[in-house]
Amino acid sequence: MSPTSPDPVFHPALRGLAKGISVIFHPLFIPLYILLFTLYKSPLPLALAPEARFRLGLSFGAMYLLFPLVTVLLARGLGFIDSIMLRSQKDRIIPYIACGIYYFWIWYVLHHQQAPAALVVLTLAIFLASSAGLLLNAFIKISMHALSVGVAIAFLYLLALISGASFGIYLSIGLFVAGLVCTARLINADHRPKEVYLGLLLGMLSLVVAWMFEG
């Protein structure tokens, strides 16, 4: 698409559906979805007591949802960002930096607590993806949604490899959701195709690098 080409016009109902998908699969929620799947639905056996699973849930909820959300709201309240929707590259700088600290901390803690290897890889991948997003933010507005689903897809493939169980249905669902999310970002004109594709690629590469480092 040339720089002068107009954005395609979609029906308001389709745009509303796309916005709903973007909210349901917001990057703040994706790590929690992955954790719940890994702990309670995945065929991967995890020798964790119910109390340990609950603590992991609290840790993920705090570091991936609560703290980032509070950071964005405070930044908006103090006038450091123009919108909590983080539509501009400038608005994304503070959240990227703050979330990078949160993401590094939870990886560091799990790494030294000898948590399940798959979850340690996941937390490192999220940190690496966020760091890549911050570094490239000066040049391009990478889709955070695409980053998150890229990590999620690669993580599902990792679980399939290390568990030896049948993951066909889960991989199919993961790919379908990733397609929905990326399409939703394009329908709402939140990103150009290259920003979505690059985010998806970086998310997957971050998981690969994390697995090589932790494996």
N, C-alpha and C. Protein backbone atom coordinates (compact mmCIF):
# COMPACT_ATOMS: atom_id res chain seq x y z
N MET A 1 0.84 -1.19 0.00
CA MET A 1 0.00 0.00 0.00
C MET A 1 0.88 1.24 0.00
N SER A 2 0.60 2.16 -0.93
CA SER A 2 1.40 3.37 -1.02
C SER A 2 1.03 4.32 0.09
N PRO A 3 1.94 5.28 0.44
CA PRO A 3 1.66 6.21 1.52
C PRO A 3 0.40 7.04 1.30
N THR A 4 0.00 7.23 0.02
CA THR A 4 -1.16 8.06 -0.27
C THR A 4 -2.45 7.26 -0.37
N SER A 5 -2.36 5.94 -0.28
CA SER A 5 -3.55 5.11 -0.39
C SER A 5 -4.41 5.26 0.86
N PRO A 6 -5.72 5.43 0.69
CA PRO A 6 -6.59 5.56 1.86
C PRO A 6 -6.74 4.23 2.59
N ASP A 7 -6.98 4.31 3.89
CA ASP A 7 -7.23 3.09 4.65
C ASP A 7 -8.56 2.49 4.22
N PRO A 8 -8.66 1.17 4.14
CA PRO A 8 -9.93 0.55 3.76
C PRO A 8 -11.01 0.87 4.78
N VAL A 9 -12.25 0.99 4.31
CA VAL A 9 -13.38 1.32 5.16
C VAL A 9 -14.13 0.04 5.50
N PHE A 10 -14.33 -0.22 6.80
CA PHE A 10 -15.03 -1.42 7.23
C PHE A 10 -16.35 -1.03 7.88
N HIS A 11 -17.28 -1.95 7.88
CA HIS A 11 -18.59 -1.74 8.50
C HIS A 11 -18.40 -1.46 9.99
N PRO A 12 -19.19 -0.55 10.56
CA PRO A 12 -19.06 -0.24 11.99
C PRO A 12 -19.19 -1.47 12.89
N ALA A 13 -20.05 -2.40 12.51
CA ALA A 13 -20.21 -3.62 13.33
C ALA A 13 -18.92 -4.43 13.34
N LEU A 14 -18.25 -4.50 12.19
CA LEU A 14 -17.00 -5.24 12.10
C LEU A 14 -15.91 -4.53 12.91
N ARG A 15 -15.90 -3.20 12.85
CA ARG A 15 -14.93 -2.45 13.64
C ARG A 15 -15.20 -2.62 15.14
N GLY A 16 -16.47 -2.67 15.51
CA GLY A 16 -16.80 -2.90 16.92
C GLY A 16 -16.35 -4.27 17.38
N LEU A 17 -16.55 -5.28 16.53
CA LEU A 17 -16.08 -6.63 16.86
C LEU A 17 -14.57 -6.65 17.00
N ALA A 18 -13.89 -5.95 16.11
CA ALA A 18 -12.43 -5.89 16.16
C ALA A 18 -11.96 -5.23 17.45
N LYS A 19 -12.64 -4.20 17.88
CA LYS A 19 -12.27 -3.54 19.14
C LYS A 19 -12.48 -4.49 20.32
N GLY A 20 -13.59 -5.25 20.28
CA GLY A 20 -13.84 -6.21 21.35
C GLY A 20 -12.76 -7.27 21.43
N ILE A 21 -12.34 -7.78 20.27
CA ILE A 21 -11.26 -8.78 20.23
C ILE A 21 -9.98 -8.19 20.78
N SER A 22 -9.70 -6.94 20.43
CA SER A 22 -8.47 -6.28 20.91
C SER A 22 -8.47 -6.14 22.42
N VAL A 23 -9.66 -5.92 23.01
CA VAL A 23 -9.75 -5.79 24.46
C VAL A 23 -9.61 -7.15 25.15
N ILE A 24 -10.35 -8.15 24.64
CA ILE A 24 -10.31 -9.47 25.25
C ILE A 24 -8.91 -10.06 25.22
N PHE A 25 -8.21 -9.83 24.12
CA PHE A 25 -6.86 -10.37 23.97
C PHE A 25 -5.83 -9.25 24.06
N HIS A 26 -6.05 -8.36 25.01
CA HIS A 26 -5.09 -7.28 25.26
C HIS A 26 -3.78 -7.86 25.75
N PRO A 27 -2.65 -7.26 25.41
CA PRO A 27 -1.35 -7.78 25.86
C PRO A 27 -1.23 -7.94 27.38
N LEU A 28 -1.99 -7.16 28.16
CA LEU A 28 -1.95 -7.32 29.61
C LEU A 28 -2.57 -8.65 30.05
N PHE A 29 -3.48 -9.19 29.25
CA PHE A 29 -4.17 -10.42 29.63
C PHE A 29 -3.49 -11.69 29.12
N ILE A 30 -2.76 -11.58 28.02
CA ILE A 30 -2.20 -12.77 27.37
C ILE A 30 -1.33 -13.61 28.32
N PRO A 31 -0.39 -13.01 29.10
CA PRO A 31 0.40 -13.85 30.01
C PRO A 31 -0.45 -14.62 31.01
N LEU A 32 -1.55 -14.02 31.48
CA LEU A 32 -2.43 -14.72 32.42
C LEU A 32 -3.15 -15.87 31.74
N TYR A 33 -3.60 -15.65 30.51
CA TYR A 33 -4.24 -16.73 29.77
C TYR A 33 -3.27 -17.90 29.59
N ILE A 34 -2.03 -17.57 29.23
CA ILE A 34 -1.04 -18.63 29.00
C ILE A 34 -0.76 -19.39 30.30
N LEU A 35 -0.63 -18.64 31.40
CA LEU A 35 -0.37 -19.30 32.68
C LEU A 35 -1.51 -20.24 33.06
N LEU A 36 -2.75 -19.77 32.97
CA LEU A 36 -3.89 -20.60 33.34
C LEU A 36 -3.95 -21.85 32.47
N PHE A 37 -3.67 -21.70 31.19
CA PHE A 37 -3.66 -22.86 30.31
C PHE A 37 -2.57 -23.84 30.73
N THR A 38 -1.37 -23.32 31.00
CA THR A 38 -0.24 -24.18 31.36
C THR A 38 -0.49 -24.92 32.66
N LEU A 39 -1.09 -24.25 33.63
CA LEU A 39 -1.29 -24.85 34.95
C LEU A 39 -2.46 -25.82 35.00
N TYR A 40 -3.53 -25.52 34.26
CA TYR A 40 -4.77 -26.26 34.48
C TYR A 40 -5.31 -27.01 33.26
N LYS A 41 -4.78 -26.74 32.07
CA LYS A 41 -5.33 -27.39 30.89
C LYS A 41 -4.29 -28.12 30.05
N SER A 42 -3.07 -27.63 30.07
CA SER A 42 -2.03 -28.22 29.23
C SER A 42 -1.72 -29.66 29.63
N PRO A 43 -1.45 -30.54 28.66
CA PRO A 43 -1.03 -31.91 28.96
C PRO A 43 0.34 -31.97 29.62
N LEU A 44 1.08 -30.86 29.65
CA LEU A 44 2.40 -30.86 30.27
C LEU A 44 2.26 -31.08 31.77
N PRO A 45 2.85 -32.15 32.31
CA PRO A 45 2.73 -32.40 33.75
C PRO A 45 3.60 -31.44 34.56
N LEU A 46 2.99 -30.79 35.55
CA LEU A 46 3.70 -29.88 36.44
C LEU A 46 3.48 -30.32 37.88
N ALA A 47 4.59 -30.65 38.56
CA ALA A 47 4.50 -31.11 39.94
C ALA A 47 4.44 -29.90 40.86
N LEU A 48 3.27 -29.27 40.89
CA LEU A 48 3.09 -28.08 41.71
C LEU A 48 1.88 -28.27 42.61
N ALA A 49 2.06 -27.93 43.88
CA ALA A 49 0.95 -27.98 44.82
C ALA A 49 -0.03 -26.86 44.52
N PRO A 50 -1.28 -27.02 44.94
CA PRO A 50 -2.27 -25.96 44.70
C PRO A 50 -1.82 -24.60 45.23
N GLU A 51 -1.12 -24.58 46.36
CA GLU A 51 -0.65 -23.31 46.91
C GLU A 51 0.37 -22.66 45.99
N ALA A 52 1.24 -23.46 45.40
CA ALA A 52 2.25 -22.93 44.49
C ALA A 52 1.60 -22.39 43.21
N ARG A 53 0.58 -23.06 42.73
CA ARG A 53 -0.13 -22.58 41.55
C ARG A 53 -0.82 -21.25 41.85
N PHE A 54 -1.39 -21.15 43.04
CA PHE A 54 -2.06 -19.91 43.44
C PHE A 54 -1.06 -18.76 43.54
N ARG A 55 0.12 -19.04 44.10
CA ARG A 55 1.13 -17.98 44.22
C ARG A 55 1.62 -17.54 42.85
N LEU A 56 1.77 -18.49 41.94
CA LEU A 56 2.16 -18.13 40.58
C LEU A 56 1.10 -17.23 39.93
N GLY A 57 -0.16 -17.57 40.16
CA GLY A 57 -1.23 -16.75 39.62
C GLY A 57 -1.20 -15.34 40.16
N LEU A 58 -0.94 -15.19 41.45
CA LEU A 58 -0.84 -13.87 42.05
C LEU A 58 0.34 -13.09 41.48
N SER A 59 1.47 -13.78 41.33
CA SER A 59 2.67 -13.12 40.80
C SER A 59 2.44 -12.63 39.37
N PHE A 60 1.86 -13.49 38.55
CA PHE A 60 1.60 -13.11 37.16
C PHE A 60 0.58 -11.97 37.12
N GLY A 61 -0.45 -12.06 37.96
CA GLY A 61 -1.46 -11.02 37.97
C GLY A 61 -0.89 -9.67 38.36
N ALA A 62 0.02 -9.67 39.32
CA ALA A 62 0.62 -8.41 39.78
C ALA A 62 1.57 -7.84 38.74
N MET A 63 2.48 -8.67 38.23
CA MET A 63 3.54 -8.17 37.36
C MET A 63 3.09 -7.92 35.92
N TYR A 64 2.11 -8.68 35.45
CA TYR A 64 1.70 -8.55 34.05
C TYR A 64 0.40 -7.78 33.87
N LEU A 65 -0.37 -7.61 34.94
CA LEU A 65 -1.64 -6.90 34.79
C LEU A 65 -1.73 -5.69 35.72
N LEU A 66 -1.64 -5.91 37.02
CA LEU A 66 -1.88 -4.83 37.98
C LEU A 66 -0.85 -3.72 37.87
N PHE A 67 0.42 -4.04 38.00
CA PHE A 67 1.47 -3.01 37.98
C PHE A 67 1.51 -2.24 36.65
N PRO A 68 1.46 -2.93 35.50
CA PRO A 68 1.45 -2.18 34.23
C PRO A 68 0.22 -1.27 34.11
N LEU A 69 -0.95 -1.77 34.55
CA LEU A 69 -2.16 -0.96 34.45
C LEU A 69 -2.06 0.28 35.33
N VAL A 70 -1.60 0.10 36.55
CA VAL A 70 -1.44 1.24 37.46
C VAL A 70 -0.42 2.23 36.89
N THR A 71 0.64 1.72 36.30
CA THR A 71 1.66 2.59 35.70
C THR A 71 1.07 3.47 34.61
N VAL A 72 0.29 2.86 33.72
CA VAL A 72 -0.32 3.62 32.62
C VAL A 72 -1.30 4.66 33.16
N LEU A 73 -2.11 4.28 34.13
CA LEU A 73 -3.09 5.21 34.70
C LEU A 73 -2.40 6.37 35.41
N LEU A 74 -1.32 6.08 36.14
CA LEU A 74 -0.58 7.15 36.80
C LEU A 74 0.08 8.08 35.79
N ALA A 75 0.67 7.49 34.76
CA ALA A 75 1.32 8.29 33.73
C ALA A 75 0.31 9.20 33.04
N ARG A 76 -0.90 8.68 32.81
CA ARG A 76 -1.95 9.52 32.20
C ARG A 76 -2.40 10.60 33.17
N GLY A 77 -2.58 10.25 34.44
CA GLY A 77 -3.02 11.22 35.42
C GLY A 77 -2.02 12.34 35.63
N LEU A 78 -0.73 12.03 35.51
CA LEU A 78 0.32 13.03 35.69
C LEU A 78 0.65 13.78 34.41
N GLY A 79 -0.01 13.40 33.32
CA GLY A 79 0.20 14.10 32.06
C GLY A 79 1.43 13.67 31.29
N PHE A 80 2.02 12.53 31.64
CA PHE A 80 3.20 12.06 30.92
C PHE A 80 2.84 11.41 29.59
N ILE A 81 1.60 10.92 29.49
CA ILE A 81 1.14 10.34 28.23
C ILE A 81 -0.20 10.98 27.88
N ASP A 82 -0.54 10.97 26.61
CA ASP A 82 -1.76 11.63 26.15
C ASP A 82 -2.99 10.75 26.25
N SER A 83 -2.79 9.42 26.18
CA SER A 83 -3.94 8.52 26.19
C SER A 83 -3.52 7.17 26.76
N ILE A 84 -4.43 6.55 27.50
CA ILE A 84 -4.14 5.22 28.03
C ILE A 84 -4.16 4.18 26.92
N MET A 85 -4.63 4.56 25.74
CA MET A 85 -4.64 3.64 24.61
C MET A 85 -3.26 3.51 23.97
N LEU A 86 -2.33 4.39 24.35
CA LEU A 86 -0.94 4.33 23.87
C LEU A 86 -0.88 4.31 22.34
N ARG A 87 -1.59 5.25 21.73
CA ARG A 87 -1.65 5.26 20.27
C ARG A 87 -0.37 5.77 19.61
N SER A 88 0.39 6.59 20.33
CA SER A 88 1.61 7.16 19.73
C SER A 88 2.85 6.46 20.27
N GLN A 89 3.93 6.57 19.52
CA GLN A 89 5.19 5.98 19.98
C GLN A 89 5.69 6.68 21.24
N LYS A 90 5.45 7.98 21.34
CA LYS A 90 5.87 8.73 22.53
C LYS A 90 5.16 8.21 23.78
N ASP A 91 3.87 7.92 23.66
CA ASP A 91 3.11 7.43 24.81
C ASP A 91 3.59 6.07 25.28
N ARG A 92 4.26 5.33 24.43
CA ARG A 92 4.65 3.96 24.76
C ARG A 92 5.99 3.87 25.51
N ILE A 93 6.73 4.96 25.55
CA ILE A 93 8.08 4.90 26.13
C ILE A 93 8.03 4.54 27.61
N ILE A 94 7.29 5.30 28.40
CA ILE A 94 7.23 5.05 29.85
C ILE A 94 6.67 3.67 30.16
N PRO A 95 5.54 3.27 29.57
CA PRO A 95 5.04 1.91 29.83
C PRO A 95 6.03 0.82 29.45
N TYR A 96 6.72 0.99 28.33
CA TYR A 96 7.71 -0.01 27.92
C TYR A 96 8.81 -0.14 28.99
N ILE A 97 9.32 1.00 29.45
CA ILE A 97 10.41 0.97 30.44
C ILE A 97 9.94 0.36 31.75
N ALA A 98 8.78 0.82 32.23
CA ALA A 98 8.26 0.32 33.50
C ALA A 98 7.96 -1.17 33.42
N CYS A 99 7.30 -1.59 32.34
CA CYS A 99 6.96 -3.00 32.20
C CYS A 99 8.22 -3.86 32.05
N GLY A 100 9.24 -3.30 31.41
CA GLY A 100 10.49 -4.04 31.31
C GLY A 100 11.06 -4.37 32.67
N ILE A 101 10.93 -3.44 33.62
CA ILE A 101 11.40 -3.68 34.99
C ILE A 101 10.57 -4.78 35.65
N TYR A 102 9.24 -4.69 35.51
CA TYR A 102 8.37 -5.72 36.09
C TYR A 102 8.66 -7.08 35.48
N TYR A 103 8.80 -7.11 34.17
CA TYR A 103 9.00 -8.39 33.48
C TYR A 103 10.35 -9.01 33.82
N PHE A 104 11.36 -8.16 33.93
CA PHE A 104 12.67 -8.70 34.31
C PHE A 104 12.62 -9.27 35.73
N TRP A 105 11.92 -8.57 36.61
CA TRP A 105 11.89 -9.00 38.01
C TRP A 105 11.22 -10.36 38.17
N ILE A 106 10.09 -10.58 37.50
CA ILE A 106 9.42 -11.87 37.68
C ILE A 106 10.24 -12.99 37.04
N TRP A 107 10.90 -12.71 35.92
CA TRP A 107 11.79 -13.74 35.36
C TRP A 107 12.92 -14.05 36.32
N TYR A 108 13.54 -13.01 36.88
CA TYR A 108 14.66 -13.20 37.79
C TYR A 108 14.25 -14.03 39.00
N VAL A 109 13.10 -13.73 39.56
CA VAL A 109 12.63 -14.45 40.75
C VAL A 109 12.34 -15.91 40.41
N LEU A 110 11.61 -16.16 39.33
CA LEU A 110 11.29 -17.53 38.96
C LEU A 110 12.53 -18.31 38.58
N HIS A 111 13.46 -17.65 37.92
CA HIS A 111 14.72 -18.31 37.52
C HIS A 111 15.47 -18.81 38.74
N HIS A 112 15.53 -18.01 39.78
CA HIS A 112 16.28 -18.39 40.98
C HIS A 112 15.47 -19.21 41.97
N GLN A 113 14.17 -19.31 41.76
CA GLN A 113 13.35 -20.16 42.61
C GLN A 113 13.17 -21.55 42.03
N GLN A 114 13.81 -21.80 40.91
CA GLN A 114 13.69 -23.08 40.23
C GLN A 114 12.24 -23.42 39.94
N ALA A 115 11.53 -22.47 39.38
CA ALA A 115 10.15 -22.69 38.95
C ALA A 115 10.14 -23.60 37.73
N PRO A 116 8.97 -24.10 37.33
CA PRO A 116 8.91 -24.94 36.12
C PRO A 116 9.62 -24.28 34.94
N ALA A 117 10.45 -25.05 34.27
CA ALA A 117 11.31 -24.49 33.21
C ALA A 117 10.51 -23.77 32.13
N ALA A 118 9.36 -24.32 31.78
CA ALA A 118 8.56 -23.71 30.72
C ALA A 118 8.12 -22.31 31.10
N LEU A 119 7.75 -22.11 32.36
CA LEU A 119 7.30 -20.79 32.80
C LEU A 119 8.47 -19.81 32.90
N VAL A 120 9.64 -20.31 33.25
CA VAL A 120 10.82 -19.44 33.29
C VAL A 120 11.14 -18.95 31.87
N VAL A 121 11.06 -19.87 30.92
CA VAL A 121 11.28 -19.49 29.51
C VAL A 121 10.25 -18.45 29.08
N LEU A 122 9.00 -18.67 29.47
CA LEU A 122 7.93 -17.73 29.09
C LEU A 122 8.19 -16.34 29.63
N THR A 123 8.56 -16.24 30.90
CA THR A 123 8.78 -14.91 31.49
C THR A 123 9.98 -14.21 30.85
N LEU A 124 11.01 -14.98 30.52
CA LEU A 124 12.17 -14.37 29.85
C LEU A 124 11.77 -13.91 28.44
N ALA A 125 10.97 -14.70 27.75
CA ALA A 125 10.54 -14.33 26.40
C ALA A 125 9.72 -13.03 26.43
N ILE A 126 8.86 -12.89 27.41
CA ILE A 126 8.05 -11.68 27.51
C ILE A 126 8.95 -10.47 27.76
N PHE A 127 9.96 -10.64 28.61
CA PHE A 127 10.89 -9.54 28.86
C PHE A 127 11.66 -9.18 27.60
N LEU A 128 12.13 -10.18 26.87
CA LEU A 128 12.88 -9.92 25.64
C LEU A 128 12.01 -9.25 24.58
N ALA A 129 10.76 -9.69 24.46
CA ALA A 129 9.86 -9.09 23.48
C ALA A 129 9.59 -7.63 23.83
N SER A 130 9.37 -7.36 25.11
CA SER A 130 9.14 -5.98 25.55
C SER A 130 10.37 -5.12 25.31
N SER A 131 11.54 -5.66 25.56
CA SER A 131 12.78 -4.92 25.34
C SER A 131 12.98 -4.61 23.86
N ALA A 132 12.67 -5.59 23.01
CA ALA A 132 12.78 -5.36 21.57
C ALA A 132 11.79 -4.28 21.12
N GLY A 133 10.60 -4.32 21.69
CA GLY A 133 9.61 -3.30 21.36
C GLY A 133 10.08 -1.91 21.75
N LEU A 134 10.70 -1.80 22.92
CA LEU A 134 11.21 -0.51 23.37
C LEU A 134 12.33 -0.01 22.46
N LEU A 135 13.25 -0.88 22.10
CA LEU A 135 14.38 -0.47 21.26
C LEU A 135 13.93 -0.01 19.88
N LEU A 136 12.93 -0.67 19.33
CA LEU A 136 12.48 -0.35 17.98
C LEU A 136 11.40 0.73 17.97
N ASN A 137 10.91 1.10 19.16
CA ASN A 137 9.84 2.08 19.24
C ASN A 137 10.24 3.44 18.66
N ALA A 138 11.52 3.73 18.66
CA ALA A 138 11.98 5.01 18.10
C ALA A 138 11.84 5.04 16.58
N PHE A 139 11.70 3.87 15.96
CA PHE A 139 11.66 3.81 14.50
C PHE A 139 10.30 3.37 13.96
N ILE A 140 9.58 2.55 14.72
CA ILE A 140 8.33 1.99 14.22
C ILE A 140 7.43 1.65 15.41
N LYS A 141 6.13 1.81 15.22
CA LYS A 141 5.17 1.52 16.28
C LYS A 141 4.73 0.06 16.17
N ILE A 142 5.56 -0.81 16.72
CA ILE A 142 5.28 -2.24 16.65
C ILE A 142 4.00 -2.56 17.42
N SER A 143 3.22 -3.47 16.89
CA SER A 143 1.99 -3.87 17.55
C SER A 143 2.29 -4.68 18.81
N MET A 144 1.88 -4.15 19.96
CA MET A 144 2.05 -4.89 21.21
C MET A 144 1.19 -6.14 21.23
N HIS A 145 0.00 -6.05 20.62
CA HIS A 145 -0.85 -7.23 20.54
C HIS A 145 -0.15 -8.35 19.76
N ALA A 146 0.48 -7.97 18.64
CA ALA A 146 1.16 -8.98 17.83
C ALA A 146 2.37 -9.55 18.57
N LEU A 147 3.08 -8.70 19.30
CA LEU A 147 4.20 -9.19 20.11
C LEU A 147 3.72 -10.28 21.07
N SER A 148 2.62 -10.00 21.76
CA SER A 148 2.13 -10.92 22.80
C SER A 148 1.64 -12.24 22.20
N VAL A 149 0.89 -12.16 21.09
CA VAL A 149 0.41 -13.43 20.52
C VAL A 149 1.55 -14.18 19.84
N GLY A 150 2.57 -13.47 19.38
CA GLY A 150 3.74 -14.14 18.82
C GLY A 150 4.44 -14.99 19.88
N VAL A 151 4.61 -14.42 21.07
CA VAL A 151 5.18 -15.18 22.19
C VAL A 151 4.28 -16.36 22.53
N ALA A 152 2.96 -16.14 22.55
CA ALA A 152 2.02 -17.19 22.92
C ALA A 152 2.07 -18.37 21.95
N ILE A 153 2.09 -18.08 20.66
CA ILE A 153 2.14 -19.15 19.66
C ILE A 153 3.41 -19.98 19.81
N ALA A 154 4.54 -19.29 19.91
CA ALA A 154 5.82 -19.99 20.04
C ALA A 154 5.86 -20.81 21.33
N PHE A 155 5.24 -20.28 22.39
CA PHE A 155 5.22 -21.01 23.66
C PHE A 155 4.40 -22.29 23.54
N LEU A 156 3.29 -22.24 22.82
CA LEU A 156 2.50 -23.45 22.60
C LEU A 156 3.31 -24.51 21.86
N TYR A 157 4.08 -24.08 20.86
CA TYR A 157 4.94 -25.01 20.14
C TYR A 157 5.99 -25.61 21.07
N LEU A 158 6.52 -24.77 21.97
CA LEU A 158 7.50 -25.26 22.94
C LEU A 158 6.89 -26.32 23.84
N LEU A 159 5.69 -26.05 24.35
CA LEU A 159 5.02 -27.04 25.20
C LEU A 159 4.78 -28.34 24.45
N ALA A 160 4.42 -28.23 23.18
CA ALA A 160 4.20 -29.43 22.37
C ALA A 160 5.49 -30.24 22.23
N LEU A 161 6.61 -29.55 22.09
CA LEU A 161 7.90 -30.25 21.92
C LEU A 161 8.35 -30.94 23.19
N ILE A 162 8.22 -30.26 24.33
CA ILE A 162 8.78 -30.81 25.57
C ILE A 162 7.83 -31.77 26.28
N SER A 163 6.54 -31.73 25.94
CA SER A 163 5.60 -32.61 26.63
C SER A 163 5.44 -33.95 25.91
N GLY A 164 5.59 -33.94 24.59
CA GLY A 164 5.40 -35.15 23.83
C GLY A 164 3.93 -35.52 23.66
N ALA A 165 3.03 -34.69 24.17
CA ALA A 165 1.60 -34.96 24.08
C ALA A 165 1.04 -34.36 22.79
N SER A 166 -0.20 -34.71 22.50
CA SER A 166 -0.86 -34.17 21.32
C SER A 166 -1.32 -32.74 21.59
N PHE A 167 -0.80 -31.81 20.82
CA PHE A 167 -1.13 -30.40 21.01
C PHE A 167 -1.82 -29.81 19.78
N GLY A 168 -2.25 -30.67 18.87
CA GLY A 168 -2.83 -30.18 17.62
C GLY A 168 -3.98 -29.22 17.83
N ILE A 169 -4.92 -29.55 18.70
CA ILE A 169 -6.08 -28.69 18.92
C ILE A 169 -5.68 -27.37 19.54
N TYR A 170 -4.72 -27.40 20.47
CA TYR A 170 -4.30 -26.17 21.14
C TYR A 170 -3.53 -25.26 20.18
N LEU A 171 -2.69 -25.87 19.34
CA LEU A 171 -1.96 -25.07 18.36
C LEU A 171 -2.91 -24.45 17.34
N SER A 172 -3.92 -25.20 16.95
CA SER A 172 -4.89 -24.67 16.00
C SER A 172 -5.65 -23.49 16.59
N ILE A 173 -6.06 -23.64 17.85
CA ILE A 173 -6.78 -22.55 18.52
C ILE A 173 -5.87 -21.34 18.67
N GLY A 174 -4.61 -21.59 19.05
CA GLY A 174 -3.66 -20.49 19.22
C GLY A 174 -3.43 -19.72 17.92
N LEU A 175 -3.27 -20.44 16.82
CA LEU A 175 -3.07 -19.79 15.53
C LEU A 175 -4.32 -19.02 15.10
N PHE A 176 -5.49 -19.59 15.39
CA PHE A 176 -6.73 -18.92 15.05
C PHE A 176 -6.87 -17.62 15.82
N VAL A 177 -6.59 -17.67 17.13
CA VAL A 177 -6.68 -16.47 17.95
C VAL A 177 -5.68 -15.43 17.49
N ALA A 178 -4.46 -15.86 17.20
CA ALA A 178 -3.44 -14.92 16.73
C ALA A 178 -3.89 -14.23 15.44
N GLY A 179 -4.48 -15.01 14.54
CA GLY A 179 -5.00 -14.42 13.31
C GLY A 179 -6.10 -13.41 13.57
N LEU A 180 -6.99 -13.74 14.51
CA LEU A 180 -8.08 -12.82 14.87
C LEU A 180 -7.52 -11.51 15.42
N VAL A 181 -6.57 -11.64 16.35
CA VAL A 181 -6.02 -10.45 17.00
C VAL A 181 -5.30 -9.56 15.99
N CYS A 182 -4.46 -10.15 15.18
CA CYS A 182 -3.71 -9.35 14.20
C CYS A 182 -4.64 -8.71 13.18
N THR A 183 -5.66 -9.45 12.76
CA THR A 183 -6.63 -8.89 11.82
C THR A 183 -7.40 -7.74 12.46
N ALA A 184 -7.75 -7.90 13.74
CA ALA A 184 -8.48 -6.85 14.45
C ALA A 184 -7.68 -5.56 14.50
N ARG A 185 -6.37 -5.68 14.71
CA ARG A 185 -5.54 -4.47 14.76
C ARG A 185 -5.50 -3.76 13.41
N LEU A 186 -5.56 -4.54 12.34
CA LEU A 186 -5.55 -3.94 11.00
C LEU A 186 -6.92 -3.34 10.66
N ILE A 187 -8.00 -4.00 11.06
CA ILE A 187 -9.34 -3.48 10.79
C ILE A 187 -9.55 -2.14 11.46
N ASN A 188 -9.05 -2.01 12.69
CA ASN A 188 -9.21 -0.75 13.42
C ASN A 188 -8.21 0.31 12.99
N ALA A 189 -7.37 -0.02 12.02
CA ALA A 189 -6.35 0.91 11.53
C ALA A 189 -5.42 1.37 12.64
N ASP A 190 -5.22 0.51 13.64
CA ASP A 190 -4.30 0.83 14.73
C ASP A 190 -2.85 0.67 14.28
N HIS A 191 -2.63 -0.18 13.28
CA HIS A 191 -1.27 -0.46 12.81
C HIS A 191 -1.27 -0.71 11.32
N ARG A 192 -0.10 -0.48 10.72
CA ARG A 192 0.14 -0.89 9.35
C ARG A 192 0.53 -2.37 9.35
N PRO A 193 0.34 -3.06 8.22
CA PRO A 193 0.67 -4.49 8.18
C PRO A 193 2.09 -4.80 8.65
N LYS A 194 3.08 -3.99 8.25
CA LYS A 194 4.45 -4.29 8.64
C LYS A 194 4.65 -4.20 10.14
N GLU A 195 3.89 -3.35 10.82
CA GLU A 195 4.00 -3.22 12.28
C GLU A 195 3.44 -4.46 12.97
N VAL A 196 2.42 -5.05 12.38
CA VAL A 196 1.82 -6.26 12.93
C VAL A 196 2.72 -7.47 12.65
N TYR A 197 3.17 -7.59 11.40
CA TYR A 197 4.00 -8.74 11.03
C TYR A 197 5.32 -8.74 11.82
N LEU A 198 5.91 -7.57 11.98
CA LEU A 198 7.16 -7.48 12.71
C LEU A 198 6.95 -7.83 14.18
N GLY A 199 5.85 -7.37 14.75
CA GLY A 199 5.56 -7.71 16.14
C GLY A 199 5.39 -9.20 16.33
N LEU A 200 4.67 -9.83 15.41
CA LEU A 200 4.47 -11.28 15.49
C LEU A 200 5.79 -12.02 15.40
N LEU A 201 6.64 -11.61 14.47
CA LEU A 201 7.94 -12.25 14.30
C LEU A 201 8.83 -12.06 15.52
N LEU A 202 8.88 -10.84 16.04
CA LEU A 202 9.71 -10.57 17.21
C LEU A 202 9.24 -11.36 18.43
N GLY A 203 7.92 -11.50 18.58
CA GLY A 203 7.40 -12.28 19.69
C GLY A 203 7.86 -13.72 19.63
N MET A 204 7.77 -14.32 18.44
CA MET A 204 8.20 -15.71 18.28
C MET A 204 9.70 -15.86 18.47
N LEU A 205 10.47 -14.93 17.92
CA LEU A 205 11.93 -14.99 18.06
C LEU A 205 12.35 -14.83 19.52
N SER A 206 11.62 -14.02 20.26
CA SER A 206 11.94 -13.82 21.68
C SER A 206 11.79 -15.12 22.46
N LEU A 207 10.78 -15.90 22.13
CA LEU A 207 10.60 -17.19 22.79
C LEU A 207 11.71 -18.16 22.43
N VAL A 208 12.11 -18.15 21.16
CA VAL A 208 13.21 -19.02 20.72
C VAL A 208 14.49 -18.67 21.45
N VAL A 209 14.81 -17.38 21.53
CA VAL A 209 16.03 -16.94 22.22
C VAL A 209 15.96 -17.31 23.70
N ALA A 210 14.80 -17.12 24.31
CA ALA A 210 14.64 -17.46 25.74
C ALA A 210 14.85 -18.95 25.97
N TRP A 211 14.33 -19.76 25.06
CA TRP A 211 14.49 -21.21 25.19
C TRP A 211 15.96 -21.61 25.03
N MET A 212 16.66 -20.98 24.11
CA MET A 212 18.08 -21.27 23.93
C MET A 212 18.87 -20.87 25.18
N PHE A 213 18.50 -19.77 25.80
CA PHE A 213 19.21 -19.28 26.97
C PHE A 213 18.93 -20.15 28.19
N GLU A 214 17.67 -20.48 28.40
CA GLU A 214 17.28 -21.25 29.59
C GLU A 214 17.43 -22.75 29.39
N GLY A 215 17.37 -23.18 28.12
CA GLY A 215 17.43 -24.63 27.87
C GLY A 215 18.82 -25.18 27.98
